[in-house]
């Protein structure tokens, strides 16, 4: 009788433990960006996996993993912190990739956001329309940006008094509405 109780007790504990643990499939990786309630994405540079090359800054790269819950077409905006609201001074075009779709754009100022929480004076946030991406189904996707304005954290937080006129701050995806 004690053996049956012990076995039953062991099975109950095993069942409770297995139901309480998270399966690996249910966990979200730390660096995944999920959609906001309005369907948009804000891909901030400080949340990206970044690669920088001091000798070839035009190949500096930022990459995000996003989870799309609402498929459709999304407008792509580049947000830059700039001191000059008339010229962003990108030397090379910016390349944005999603799967086999690539957008290449020379950022121009389409709108200036004066009281943005992303930047502080003497900078202003300037948004540049880059194009659009189509997500055919829900799922996890990788978005990559290549630009000389993807700066390493050391360059953005430098204390040597060097002045940067423009830097990339984020990529914003907004759902296209009809």
N, C-alpha and C. Protein backbone atom coordinates (compact mmCIF):
# COMPACT_ATOMS: atom_id res chain seq x y z
N UNK A 1 0.82 -1.19 0.00
CA UNK A 1 0.00 0.00 0.00
C UNK A 1 0.87 1.26 0.00
N UNK A 2 1.94 1.27 0.84
CA UNK A 2 2.85 2.43 0.89
C UNK A 2 3.52 2.66 -0.46
N UNK A 3 3.82 1.58 -1.14
CA UNK A 3 4.49 1.69 -2.44
C UNK A 3 3.58 2.37 -3.47
N UNK A 4 2.28 2.04 -3.47
CA UNK A 4 1.33 2.65 -4.40
C UNK A 4 1.16 4.14 -4.08
N UNK A 5 1.10 4.47 -2.79
CA UNK A 5 0.95 5.87 -2.39
C UNK A 5 2.19 6.66 -2.80
N UNK A 6 3.37 6.07 -2.58
CA UNK A 6 4.62 6.72 -2.94
C UNK A 6 4.69 6.94 -4.46
N UNK A 7 4.31 5.94 -5.23
CA UNK A 7 4.32 6.04 -6.69
C UNK A 7 3.32 7.09 -7.16
N UNK A 8 2.10 7.06 -6.60
CA UNK A 8 1.08 8.04 -6.96
C UNK A 8 1.53 9.46 -6.59
N UNK A 9 2.11 9.61 -5.41
CA UNK A 9 2.62 10.91 -4.98
C UNK A 9 3.72 11.40 -5.92
N UNK A 10 4.62 10.50 -6.31
CA UNK A 10 5.70 10.86 -7.24
C UNK A 10 5.16 11.29 -8.60
N UNK A 11 4.12 10.60 -9.10
CA UNK A 11 3.52 10.98 -10.38
C UNK A 11 2.84 12.34 -10.30
N UNK A 12 2.17 12.61 -9.18
CA UNK A 12 1.52 13.92 -9.01
C UNK A 12 2.56 15.03 -9.00
N UNK A 13 3.65 14.84 -8.29
CA UNK A 13 4.72 15.85 -8.24
C UNK A 13 5.32 16.04 -9.64
N UNK A 14 5.58 14.97 -10.34
CA UNK A 14 6.13 15.06 -11.70
C UNK A 14 5.17 15.81 -12.62
N UNK A 15 3.87 15.53 -12.53
CA UNK A 15 2.87 16.19 -13.35
C UNK A 15 2.82 17.69 -13.03
N UNK A 16 2.79 18.05 -11.76
CA UNK A 16 2.74 19.45 -11.36
C UNK A 16 4.00 20.18 -11.82
N UNK A 17 5.17 19.57 -11.68
CA UNK A 17 6.43 20.19 -12.10
C UNK A 17 6.46 20.39 -13.61
N UNK A 18 6.02 19.38 -14.37
CA UNK A 18 6.08 19.50 -15.83
C UNK A 18 5.09 20.52 -16.36
N UNK A 19 3.95 20.69 -15.72
CA UNK A 19 2.97 21.69 -16.16
C UNK A 19 3.40 23.09 -15.79
N UNK A 20 4.17 23.23 -14.74
CA UNK A 20 4.61 24.55 -14.30
C UNK A 20 5.81 25.07 -15.04
N UNK A 21 6.57 24.21 -15.68
CA UNK A 21 7.77 24.68 -16.39
C UNK A 21 7.39 25.15 -17.78
N UNK A 22 8.12 26.14 -18.27
CA UNK A 22 7.88 26.66 -19.61
C UNK A 22 8.59 25.81 -20.63
N UNK A 23 7.92 25.52 -21.71
CA UNK A 23 8.57 24.79 -22.77
C UNK A 23 9.44 25.76 -23.57
N UNK A 24 10.52 25.31 -24.18
CA UNK A 24 11.38 26.22 -24.96
C UNK A 24 10.63 26.90 -26.09
N UNK A 25 9.63 26.28 -26.68
CA UNK A 25 8.91 26.88 -27.79
C UNK A 25 8.05 28.05 -27.33
N UNK A 26 7.61 28.04 -26.08
CA UNK A 26 6.73 29.09 -25.59
C UNK A 26 7.50 30.35 -25.18
N UNK A 27 8.80 30.24 -24.97
CA UNK A 27 9.59 31.38 -24.53
C UNK A 27 9.96 32.27 -25.71
N UNK A 28 9.96 33.58 -25.49
CA UNK A 28 10.37 34.55 -26.50
C UNK A 28 11.81 34.93 -26.22
N UNK A 29 12.66 34.94 -27.22
CA UNK A 29 14.02 35.43 -26.99
C UNK A 29 13.99 36.89 -26.53
N UNK A 30 15.03 37.29 -25.82
CA UNK A 30 15.10 38.65 -25.26
C UNK A 30 15.06 39.74 -26.32
N UNK A 31 15.71 39.54 -27.44
CA UNK A 31 15.86 40.61 -28.41
C UNK A 31 14.75 40.65 -29.46
N UNK A 32 13.60 40.06 -29.18
CA UNK A 32 12.50 40.08 -30.13
C UNK A 32 11.61 41.28 -29.86
N UNK A 33 11.24 42.00 -30.92
CA UNK A 33 10.37 43.15 -30.81
C UNK A 33 8.97 42.72 -31.25
N UNK A 34 7.98 43.00 -30.42
CA UNK A 34 6.60 42.66 -30.75
C UNK A 34 5.84 43.92 -31.15
N UNK A 35 4.74 43.71 -31.86
CA UNK A 35 3.93 44.84 -32.34
C UNK A 35 3.29 45.58 -31.18
N UNK A 36 3.17 46.89 -31.36
CA UNK A 36 2.46 47.71 -30.40
C UNK A 36 0.96 47.55 -30.66
N UNK A 37 0.13 48.06 -29.78
CA UNK A 37 -1.32 47.88 -29.89
C UNK A 37 -1.90 48.46 -31.19
N UNK A 38 -1.27 49.51 -31.72
CA UNK A 38 -1.75 50.10 -32.98
C UNK A 38 -1.21 49.37 -34.21
N UNK A 39 -0.44 48.30 -34.00
CA UNK A 39 0.10 47.51 -35.12
C UNK A 39 1.46 47.95 -35.59
N UNK A 40 2.01 49.01 -35.03
CA UNK A 40 3.31 49.52 -35.48
C UNK A 40 4.46 48.85 -34.72
N UNK A 41 5.65 49.08 -35.23
CA UNK A 41 6.89 48.61 -34.61
C UNK A 41 7.81 49.81 -34.45
N UNK A 42 8.48 49.91 -33.34
CA UNK A 42 9.54 50.91 -33.14
C UNK A 42 10.82 50.14 -32.86
N UNK A 43 11.70 50.13 -33.83
CA UNK A 43 12.95 49.37 -33.73
C UNK A 43 14.07 50.34 -33.37
N UNK A 44 14.33 50.45 -32.07
CA UNK A 44 15.34 51.38 -31.57
C UNK A 44 16.73 50.79 -31.72
N UNK A 45 17.67 51.63 -32.09
CA UNK A 45 19.03 51.18 -32.34
C UNK A 45 19.67 50.55 -31.11
N UNK A 46 19.37 51.08 -29.92
CA UNK A 46 19.99 50.52 -28.71
C UNK A 46 19.47 49.12 -28.40
N UNK A 47 18.37 48.69 -29.04
CA UNK A 47 17.83 47.35 -28.84
C UNK A 47 18.27 46.38 -29.93
N UNK A 48 19.01 46.87 -30.90
CA UNK A 48 19.43 46.05 -32.04
C UNK A 48 20.73 45.33 -31.74
N UNK A 49 20.97 44.29 -32.49
CA UNK A 49 22.28 43.67 -32.53
C UNK A 49 23.05 44.45 -33.58
N UNK A 50 24.14 45.09 -33.17
CA UNK A 50 24.87 45.98 -34.08
C UNK A 50 26.27 45.45 -34.38
N UNK A 51 26.69 45.69 -35.61
CA UNK A 51 28.03 45.36 -36.06
C UNK A 51 28.62 46.63 -36.65
N UNK A 52 29.83 46.97 -36.26
CA UNK A 52 30.43 48.18 -36.82
C UNK A 52 31.87 47.89 -37.25
N UNK A 53 32.28 48.62 -38.28
CA UNK A 53 33.61 48.47 -38.84
C UNK A 53 34.22 49.87 -38.94
N UNK A 54 35.24 50.14 -38.15
CA UNK A 54 35.85 51.47 -38.12
C UNK A 54 36.48 51.83 -39.46
N UNK A 55 36.95 50.85 -40.21
CA UNK A 55 37.60 51.11 -41.50
C UNK A 55 36.60 51.25 -42.65
N UNK A 56 35.43 50.63 -42.51
CA UNK A 56 34.39 50.69 -43.54
C UNK A 56 33.04 50.96 -42.88
N UNK A 57 32.82 52.18 -42.38
CA UNK A 57 31.58 52.46 -41.65
C UNK A 57 30.32 52.33 -42.51
N UNK A 58 30.46 52.37 -43.83
CA UNK A 58 29.30 52.21 -44.69
C UNK A 58 28.69 50.82 -44.59
N UNK A 59 29.40 49.87 -43.98
CA UNK A 59 28.87 48.52 -43.79
C UNK A 59 28.37 48.27 -42.37
N UNK A 60 28.30 49.33 -41.54
CA UNK A 60 27.76 49.17 -40.19
C UNK A 60 26.32 48.67 -40.28
N UNK A 61 25.98 47.72 -39.41
CA UNK A 61 24.70 47.02 -39.52
C UNK A 61 23.97 46.97 -38.18
N UNK A 62 22.67 47.14 -38.22
CA UNK A 62 21.79 46.92 -37.07
C UNK A 62 20.75 45.89 -37.48
N UNK A 63 20.44 44.97 -36.57
CA UNK A 63 19.49 43.91 -36.90
C UNK A 63 18.54 43.66 -35.74
N UNK A 64 17.26 43.48 -36.08
CA UNK A 64 16.22 43.20 -35.10
C UNK A 64 15.44 41.97 -35.54
N UNK A 65 14.92 41.21 -34.58
CA UNK A 65 13.95 40.16 -34.83
C UNK A 65 12.59 40.71 -34.39
N UNK A 66 11.61 40.64 -35.28
CA UNK A 66 10.28 41.16 -34.98
C UNK A 66 9.26 40.03 -35.10
N UNK A 67 8.24 40.10 -34.25
CA UNK A 67 7.15 39.14 -34.33
C UNK A 67 5.93 39.87 -34.87
N UNK A 68 5.52 39.46 -36.05
CA UNK A 68 4.38 40.08 -36.72
C UNK A 68 3.14 39.26 -36.40
N UNK A 69 2.16 39.91 -35.79
CA UNK A 69 0.90 39.22 -35.49
C UNK A 69 -0.19 39.62 -36.48
N UNK A 70 -0.02 40.77 -37.14
CA UNK A 70 -1.01 41.26 -38.11
C UNK A 70 -0.32 41.40 -39.47
N UNK A 71 -0.49 40.42 -40.38
CA UNK A 71 0.15 40.53 -41.69
C UNK A 71 -0.41 41.71 -42.48
N UNK A 72 0.36 42.15 -43.45
CA UNK A 72 -0.07 43.26 -44.31
C UNK A 72 1.11 44.08 -44.76
N UNK A 73 0.82 45.24 -45.35
CA UNK A 73 1.84 46.15 -45.85
C UNK A 73 2.14 47.19 -44.78
N UNK A 74 3.42 47.47 -44.57
CA UNK A 74 3.88 48.41 -43.56
C UNK A 74 4.79 49.45 -44.19
N UNK A 75 4.52 50.73 -43.89
CA UNK A 75 5.42 51.80 -44.31
C UNK A 75 6.68 51.74 -43.45
N UNK A 76 7.82 52.01 -44.06
CA UNK A 76 9.11 51.98 -43.36
C UNK A 76 9.64 53.41 -43.27
N UNK A 77 9.91 53.84 -42.04
CA UNK A 77 10.44 55.17 -41.76
C UNK A 77 11.77 55.04 -41.05
N UNK A 78 12.74 55.86 -41.43
CA UNK A 78 14.01 55.95 -40.71
C UNK A 78 13.95 57.19 -39.83
N UNK A 79 14.28 57.05 -38.57
CA UNK A 79 14.34 58.20 -37.66
C UNK A 79 15.79 58.50 -37.36
N UNK A 80 16.17 59.76 -37.55
CA UNK A 80 17.54 60.20 -37.30
C UNK A 80 17.54 61.30 -36.26
N UNK A 81 18.58 61.35 -35.48
CA UNK A 81 18.83 62.49 -34.60
C UNK A 81 19.75 63.41 -35.39
N UNK A 82 19.33 64.66 -35.55
CA UNK A 82 20.12 65.58 -36.36
C UNK A 82 20.14 66.97 -35.73
N UNK A 83 21.23 67.67 -35.97
CA UNK A 83 21.33 69.06 -35.55
C UNK A 83 20.87 69.99 -36.67
N UNK A 84 20.94 69.51 -37.91
CA UNK A 84 20.58 70.31 -39.09
C UNK A 84 19.27 69.78 -39.66
N UNK A 85 18.20 70.52 -39.52
CA UNK A 85 16.90 70.04 -40.01
C UNK A 85 16.69 70.31 -41.50
N UNK A 86 17.74 70.70 -42.20
CA UNK A 86 17.63 70.87 -43.64
C UNK A 86 18.43 69.82 -44.40
N UNK A 87 19.38 69.16 -43.74
CA UNK A 87 20.22 68.18 -44.42
C UNK A 87 20.67 67.12 -43.41
N UNK A 88 20.39 65.85 -43.73
CA UNK A 88 20.78 64.76 -42.83
C UNK A 88 22.24 64.34 -43.00
N UNK A 89 22.86 64.72 -44.06
CA UNK A 89 24.27 64.45 -44.35
C UNK A 89 24.65 62.97 -44.32
N UNK A 90 23.75 62.11 -44.86
CA UNK A 90 24.13 60.71 -45.07
C UNK A 90 25.05 60.68 -46.29
N UNK A 91 26.20 60.07 -46.18
CA UNK A 91 27.14 60.00 -47.29
C UNK A 91 26.71 58.92 -48.28
N UNK A 92 26.30 57.78 -47.76
CA UNK A 92 25.88 56.65 -48.60
C UNK A 92 24.39 56.40 -48.41
N UNK A 93 23.81 55.68 -49.36
CA UNK A 93 22.41 55.31 -49.21
C UNK A 93 22.26 54.29 -48.08
N UNK A 94 21.06 54.21 -47.53
CA UNK A 94 20.75 53.27 -46.45
C UNK A 94 20.06 52.07 -47.07
N UNK A 95 20.49 50.88 -46.68
CA UNK A 95 19.88 49.65 -47.17
C UNK A 95 19.11 48.98 -46.04
N UNK A 96 17.87 48.63 -46.32
CA UNK A 96 17.01 47.95 -45.35
C UNK A 96 16.55 46.64 -45.99
N UNK A 97 16.70 45.54 -45.24
CA UNK A 97 16.38 44.22 -45.79
C UNK A 97 15.39 43.46 -44.92
N UNK A 98 14.48 42.78 -45.59
CA UNK A 98 13.53 41.86 -44.98
C UNK A 98 13.40 40.68 -45.93
N UNK A 99 13.84 39.50 -45.50
CA UNK A 99 13.86 38.32 -46.35
C UNK A 99 14.55 38.66 -47.67
N UNK A 100 13.88 38.49 -48.81
CA UNK A 100 14.52 38.79 -50.10
C UNK A 100 14.13 40.17 -50.63
N UNK A 101 13.45 40.98 -49.82
CA UNK A 101 13.07 42.34 -50.22
C UNK A 101 14.10 43.33 -49.67
N UNK A 102 14.57 44.23 -50.52
CA UNK A 102 15.56 45.21 -50.13
C UNK A 102 15.08 46.61 -50.54
N UNK A 103 15.26 47.53 -49.63
CA UNK A 103 14.98 48.93 -49.91
C UNK A 103 16.30 49.67 -49.82
N UNK A 104 16.58 50.50 -50.79
CA UNK A 104 17.77 51.35 -50.74
C UNK A 104 17.31 52.79 -50.94
N UNK A 105 17.69 53.65 -50.00
CA UNK A 105 17.17 55.02 -50.01
C UNK A 105 18.24 56.00 -49.57
N UNK A 106 18.20 57.20 -50.16
CA UNK A 106 19.01 58.32 -49.68
C UNK A 106 18.08 59.13 -48.78
N UNK A 107 18.24 59.03 -47.46
CA UNK A 107 17.28 59.68 -46.55
C UNK A 107 17.19 61.18 -46.75
N UNK A 108 15.95 61.63 -46.85
CA UNK A 108 15.63 63.06 -46.91
C UNK A 108 14.67 63.34 -45.76
N UNK A 109 14.61 64.55 -45.33
CA UNK A 109 13.74 64.89 -44.21
C UNK A 109 12.30 65.05 -44.71
N UNK A 110 11.45 64.11 -44.30
CA UNK A 110 10.03 64.19 -44.65
C UNK A 110 9.21 64.83 -43.54
N UNK A 111 9.67 64.68 -42.31
CA UNK A 111 9.00 65.35 -41.19
C UNK A 111 9.98 65.50 -40.03
N UNK A 112 9.82 66.60 -39.30
CA UNK A 112 10.65 66.86 -38.12
C UNK A 112 9.75 66.73 -36.90
N UNK A 113 10.19 65.94 -35.92
CA UNK A 113 9.44 65.76 -34.69
C UNK A 113 10.15 66.57 -33.62
N UNK A 114 9.53 67.63 -33.18
CA UNK A 114 10.20 68.58 -32.28
C UNK A 114 10.35 68.08 -30.85
N UNK A 115 9.32 67.52 -30.27
CA UNK A 115 9.38 67.12 -28.86
C UNK A 115 9.48 65.60 -28.71
N UNK A 116 10.39 65.00 -29.44
CA UNK A 116 10.56 63.55 -29.38
C UNK A 116 11.28 63.15 -28.10
N UNK A 117 10.85 62.05 -27.52
CA UNK A 117 11.50 61.53 -26.31
C UNK A 117 12.78 60.76 -26.66
N UNK A 118 12.96 60.45 -27.94
CA UNK A 118 14.13 59.67 -28.39
C UNK A 118 15.41 60.50 -28.44
N UNK A 119 15.28 61.80 -28.61
CA UNK A 119 16.46 62.67 -28.72
C UNK A 119 16.31 63.87 -27.82
N UNK A 120 17.42 64.48 -27.48
CA UNK A 120 17.38 65.70 -26.67
C UNK A 120 18.22 66.77 -27.35
N UNK A 121 17.96 68.02 -27.00
CA UNK A 121 18.67 69.14 -27.60
C UNK A 121 20.17 68.98 -27.44
N UNK A 122 20.94 69.30 -28.39
CA UNK A 122 20.69 70.13 -29.56
C UNK A 122 20.16 69.35 -30.77
N UNK A 123 19.73 68.11 -30.57
CA UNK A 123 19.25 67.29 -31.68
C UNK A 123 17.74 67.40 -31.84
N UNK A 124 17.30 67.16 -33.08
CA UNK A 124 15.89 67.03 -33.41
C UNK A 124 15.73 65.67 -34.07
N UNK A 125 14.53 65.10 -33.96
CA UNK A 125 14.27 63.85 -34.66
C UNK A 125 13.72 64.17 -36.04
N UNK A 126 14.36 63.63 -37.06
CA UNK A 126 13.92 63.81 -38.44
C UNK A 126 13.57 62.44 -39.01
N UNK A 127 12.36 62.30 -39.54
CA UNK A 127 11.91 61.03 -40.10
C UNK A 127 11.98 61.08 -41.62
N UNK A 128 12.44 59.97 -42.19
CA UNK A 128 12.57 59.84 -43.64
C UNK A 128 11.77 58.63 -44.09
N UNK A 129 10.87 58.83 -45.06
CA UNK A 129 10.12 57.70 -45.61
C UNK A 129 11.05 56.90 -46.50
N UNK A 130 11.07 55.57 -46.29
CA UNK A 130 12.00 54.72 -47.04
C UNK A 130 11.30 53.81 -48.05
N UNK A 131 10.04 53.48 -47.83
CA UNK A 131 9.34 52.54 -48.71
C UNK A 131 8.38 51.71 -47.89
N UNK A 132 8.14 50.47 -48.35
CA UNK A 132 7.22 49.60 -47.61
C UNK A 132 7.65 48.14 -47.73
N UNK A 133 7.20 47.37 -46.74
CA UNK A 133 7.41 45.92 -46.72
C UNK A 133 6.05 45.24 -46.59
N UNK A 134 5.94 44.06 -47.19
CA UNK A 134 4.72 43.26 -47.07
C UNK A 134 5.03 41.99 -46.29
N UNK A 135 4.28 41.79 -45.21
CA UNK A 135 4.37 40.55 -44.42
C UNK A 135 3.17 39.70 -44.81
N UNK A 136 3.42 38.55 -45.44
CA UNK A 136 2.32 37.73 -45.96
C UNK A 136 1.63 36.92 -44.88
N UNK A 137 2.32 36.63 -43.79
CA UNK A 137 1.72 35.84 -42.73
C UNK A 137 2.36 36.17 -41.39
N UNK A 138 1.65 35.86 -40.29
CA UNK A 138 2.23 36.12 -38.97
C UNK A 138 3.49 35.28 -38.78
N UNK A 139 4.39 35.76 -37.94
CA UNK A 139 5.60 35.00 -37.65
C UNK A 139 6.74 35.91 -37.23
N UNK A 140 7.91 35.29 -37.07
CA UNK A 140 9.10 36.03 -36.68
C UNK A 140 9.94 36.32 -37.92
N UNK A 141 10.36 37.58 -38.04
CA UNK A 141 11.14 38.03 -39.18
C UNK A 141 12.38 38.78 -38.69
N UNK A 142 13.40 38.83 -39.53
CA UNK A 142 14.61 39.59 -39.24
C UNK A 142 14.67 40.80 -40.16
N UNK A 143 14.88 41.98 -39.57
CA UNK A 143 15.01 43.22 -40.34
C UNK A 143 16.42 43.76 -40.10
N UNK A 144 17.07 44.15 -41.18
CA UNK A 144 18.47 44.59 -41.11
C UNK A 144 18.61 45.95 -41.79
N UNK A 145 19.40 46.84 -41.17
CA UNK A 145 19.70 48.15 -41.73
C UNK A 145 21.21 48.29 -41.83
N UNK A 146 21.68 48.74 -42.99
CA UNK A 146 23.11 48.95 -43.21
C UNK A 146 23.32 50.42 -43.56
N UNK A 147 24.14 51.10 -42.75
CA UNK A 147 24.39 52.52 -42.96
C UNK A 147 25.59 52.98 -42.14
N UNK A 148 26.27 54.01 -42.64
CA UNK A 148 27.37 54.60 -41.86
C UNK A 148 26.84 55.33 -40.63
N UNK A 149 25.53 55.60 -40.58
CA UNK A 149 24.93 56.29 -39.43
C UNK A 149 24.49 55.31 -38.34
N UNK A 150 24.72 54.01 -38.53
CA UNK A 150 24.56 53.04 -37.46
C UNK A 150 25.87 53.09 -36.69
N UNK A 151 25.85 53.80 -35.58
CA UNK A 151 27.08 54.06 -34.84
C UNK A 151 27.20 53.14 -33.64
N UNK A 152 28.43 52.73 -33.33
CA UNK A 152 28.61 51.92 -32.11
C UNK A 152 28.28 52.75 -30.88
N UNK A 153 27.90 52.09 -29.82
CA UNK A 153 27.51 52.78 -28.59
C UNK A 153 28.61 53.71 -28.08
N UNK A 154 29.86 53.32 -28.27
CA UNK A 154 30.97 54.16 -27.80
C UNK A 154 30.96 55.51 -28.51
N UNK A 155 30.62 55.53 -29.79
CA UNK A 155 30.60 56.79 -30.55
C UNK A 155 29.45 57.68 -30.11
N UNK A 156 28.32 57.07 -29.75
CA UNK A 156 27.17 57.87 -29.33
C UNK A 156 27.35 58.40 -27.91
N UNK A 157 28.13 57.71 -27.11
CA UNK A 157 28.33 58.13 -25.71
C UNK A 157 29.73 58.66 -25.48
N UNK A 158 30.35 59.20 -26.52
CA UNK A 158 31.74 59.62 -26.36
C UNK A 158 31.82 60.85 -25.45
N UNK A 159 32.88 60.93 -24.73
CA UNK A 159 33.06 62.05 -23.79
C UNK A 159 34.19 62.96 -24.23
N UNK A 160 34.70 62.76 -25.43
CA UNK A 160 35.82 63.58 -25.91
C UNK A 160 35.35 64.88 -26.54
N UNK A 161 34.05 65.11 -26.53
CA UNK A 161 33.55 66.37 -27.08
C UNK A 161 33.39 66.36 -28.58
N UNK A 162 33.54 65.19 -29.22
CA UNK A 162 33.34 65.13 -30.67
C UNK A 162 31.88 65.36 -30.99
N UNK A 163 31.64 66.04 -32.06
CA UNK A 163 30.27 66.38 -32.44
C UNK A 163 29.81 65.50 -33.59
N UNK A 164 28.67 64.88 -33.44
CA UNK A 164 28.05 64.12 -34.50
C UNK A 164 26.82 64.90 -34.96
N UNK A 165 26.78 65.26 -36.23
CA UNK A 165 25.64 66.03 -36.71
C UNK A 165 24.40 65.17 -36.88
N UNK A 166 24.57 63.93 -37.34
CA UNK A 166 23.43 63.05 -37.60
C UNK A 166 23.79 61.62 -37.22
N UNK A 167 22.82 60.92 -36.65
CA UNK A 167 22.96 59.49 -36.37
C UNK A 167 21.60 58.83 -36.51
N UNK A 168 21.58 57.57 -36.87
CA UNK A 168 20.34 56.82 -36.97
C UNK A 168 19.86 56.47 -35.57
N UNK A 169 18.57 56.67 -35.30
CA UNK A 169 18.01 56.41 -33.98
C UNK A 169 17.13 55.17 -33.98
N UNK A 170 16.26 55.05 -35.01
CA UNK A 170 15.33 53.92 -35.03
C UNK A 170 14.76 53.73 -36.43
N UNK A 171 14.12 52.58 -36.59
CA UNK A 171 13.34 52.29 -37.78
C UNK A 171 11.91 52.07 -37.28
N UNK A 172 10.96 52.71 -37.94
CA UNK A 172 9.56 52.62 -37.53
C UNK A 172 8.77 51.98 -38.67
N UNK A 173 8.00 50.96 -38.34
CA UNK A 173 7.10 50.32 -39.30
C UNK A 173 5.67 50.63 -38.89
N UNK A 174 4.89 51.21 -39.81
CA UNK A 174 3.50 51.53 -39.50
C UNK A 174 2.60 50.81 -40.50
N UNK A 175 1.51 50.20 -40.02
CA UNK A 175 0.63 49.48 -40.94
C UNK A 175 -0.03 50.44 -41.94
N UNK A 176 -0.12 49.99 -43.17
CA UNK A 176 -0.77 50.77 -44.21
C UNK A 176 -2.28 50.54 -44.08
N UNK A 177 -3.02 51.61 -43.95
CA UNK A 177 -4.46 51.50 -43.82
C UNK A 177 -5.13 51.98 -45.09
N UNK A 178 -6.28 51.40 -45.37
CA UNK A 178 -7.01 51.78 -46.59
C UNK A 178 -8.17 52.65 -46.26
